[in-house]
Structures are given as C-alpha cells and as structure tokens.
C-alpha cells in the first residue's frame, strides 16, 4: 500500500507541476491580450461633447 501511495503521490506532483506551467502560459497569454486591447483602446478617438450628450440621453 505504501508503494502504491508513493507512486500516486509522485504522479500527483508531476501533474501539479504540469498544470502550474500551463497556468503560467495562460496568464502570459491573458496579459498579452490585455496589452493588445489597451493599445487598441488608446487608438480610439476621444468622444466629443455632442457624442457624450447623445450617449447619456440614450442611456436614460
């Protein structure tokens, strides 16, 4: 039984390591996507006063 538990523990440690690496890769992809969205938002023209008034009226 001890041997079986040690094997299972080793497998769980290996799986945990792999999932940790996968999580890091996803976090990097998420950060890159966030940077790209922020860059696109920075390129959008600022709304002028008439656009803001129209948006506020439509929201009411």
C-alpha atoms as a PDB file:
ATOM      1  CA  UNK A   1       0.000   0.000   0.000  1.00  0.00           C
ATOM      2  CA  UNK A   2       2.867   2.372   0.833  1.00  0.00           C
ATOM      3  CA  UNK A   3       4.395   1.827  -2.601  1.00  0.00           C
ATOM      4  CA  UNK A   4       1.073   2.486  -4.268  1.00  0.00           C
ATOM      5  CA  UNK A   5       0.618   5.739  -2.348  1.00  0.00           C
ATOM      6  CA  UNK A   6       4.160   6.857  -3.172  1.00  0.00           C
ATOM      7  CA  UNK A   7       3.520   6.225  -6.871  1.00  0.00           C
ATOM      8  CA  UNK A   8       0.255   8.123  -6.690  1.00  0.00           C
ATOM      9  CA  UNK A   9       1.955  10.987  -4.844  1.00  0.00           C
ATOM     10  CA  UNK A  10       4.687  11.189  -7.491  1.00  0.00           C
ATOM     11  CA  UNK A  11       2.077  11.230 -10.229  1.00  0.00           C
ATOM     12  CA  UNK A  12       0.131  13.964  -8.459  1.00  0.00           C
ATOM     13  CA  UNK A  13       3.294  16.056  -8.047  1.00  0.00           C
ATOM     14  CA  UNK A  14       4.069  15.664 -11.747  1.00  0.00           C
ATOM     15  CA  UNK A  15       0.514  16.608 -12.702  1.00  0.00           C
ATOM     16  CA  UNK A  16       0.646  19.596 -10.373  1.00  0.00           C
ATOM     17  CA  UNK A  17       3.879  20.798 -11.986  1.00  0.00           C
ATOM     18  CA  UNK A  18       2.418  20.462 -15.478  1.00  0.00           C
ATOM     19  CA  UNK A  19      -0.751  22.305 -14.504  1.00  0.00           C
ATOM     20  CA  UNK A  20       1.326  25.069 -12.923  1.00  0.00           C
ATOM     21  CA  UNK A  21       3.255  25.530 -16.172  1.00  0.00           C
ATOM     22  CA  UNK A  22       0.029  25.516 -18.166  1.00  0.00           C
ATOM     23  CA  UNK A  23      -1.427  28.143 -15.826  1.00  0.00           C
ATOM     24  CA  UNK A  24       1.652  30.341 -16.286  1.00  0.00           C
ATOM     25  CA  UNK A  25       1.293  30.082 -20.066  1.00  0.00           C
ATOM     26  CA  UNK A  26      -2.381  31.066 -19.862  1.00  0.00           C
ATOM     27  CA  UNK A  27      -1.532  34.011 -17.627  1.00  0.00           C
ATOM     28  CA  UNK A  28       1.058  35.198 -20.157  1.00  0.00           C
ATOM     29  CA  UNK A  29      -1.487  34.912 -22.973  1.00  0.00           C
ATOM     30  CA  UNK A  30      -4.033  36.821 -20.909  1.00  0.00           C
ATOM     31  CA  UNK A  31      -1.534  39.594 -20.170  1.00  0.00           C
ATOM     32  CA  UNK A  32      -0.637  39.851 -23.852  1.00  0.00           C
ATOM     33  CA  UNK A  33      -4.311  40.039 -24.822  1.00  0.00           C
ATOM     34  CA  UNK A  34      -4.869  42.762 -22.225  1.00  0.00           C
ATOM     35  CA  UNK A  35      -1.920  44.778 -23.589  1.00  0.00           C
ATOM     36  CA  UNK A  36      -3.297  44.450 -27.115  1.00  0.00           C
ATOM     37  CA  UNK A  37      -6.807  45.548 -26.092  1.00  0.00           C
ATOM     38  CA  UNK A  38      -5.393  48.520 -24.172  1.00  0.00           C
ATOM     39  CA  UNK A  39      -3.328  49.500 -27.216  1.00  0.00           C
ATOM     40  CA  UNK A  40      -6.433  49.351 -29.414  1.00  0.00           C
ATOM     41  CA  UNK A  41      -8.438  51.413 -26.922  1.00  0.00           C
ATOM     42  CA  UNK A  42      -5.679  54.011 -26.847  1.00  0.00           C
ATOM     43  CA  UNK A  43      -6.021  54.386 -30.632  1.00  0.00           C
ATOM     44  CA  UNK A  44      -9.732  55.178 -30.471  1.00  0.00           C
ATOM     45  CA  UNK A  45     -10.590  58.846 -30.834  1.00  0.00           C
ATOM     46  CA  UNK A  46     -11.840  60.594 -27.721  1.00  0.00           C
ATOM     47  CA  UNK A  47     -15.588  61.276 -27.787  1.00  0.00           C
ATOM     48  CA  UNK A  48     -16.539  64.912 -28.228  1.00  0.00           C
ATOM     49  CA  UNK A  49     -19.169  66.701 -26.152  1.00  0.00           C
ATOM     50  CA  UNK A  50     -22.045  66.016 -28.560  1.00  0.00           C
ATOM     51  CA  UNK A  51     -21.268  62.270 -28.556  1.00  0.00           C
ATOM     52  CA  UNK A  52     -21.294  62.197 -24.754  1.00  0.00           C
ATOM     53  CA  UNK A  53     -24.637  64.020 -24.574  1.00  0.00           C
ATOM     54  CA  UNK A  54     -26.196  61.640 -27.102  1.00  0.00           C
ATOM     55  CA  UNK A  55     -24.907  58.632 -25.171  1.00  0.00           C
ATOM     56  CA  UNK A  56     -26.297  59.969 -21.880  1.00  0.00           C
ATOM     57  CA  UNK A  57     -29.713  60.659 -23.448  1.00  0.00           C
ATOM     58  CA  UNK A  58     -29.850  57.154 -24.943  1.00  0.00           C
ATOM     59  CA  UNK A  59     -28.999  55.611 -21.581  1.00  0.00           C
ATOM     60  CA  UNK A  60     -31.941  57.311 -19.882  1.00  0.00           C
END
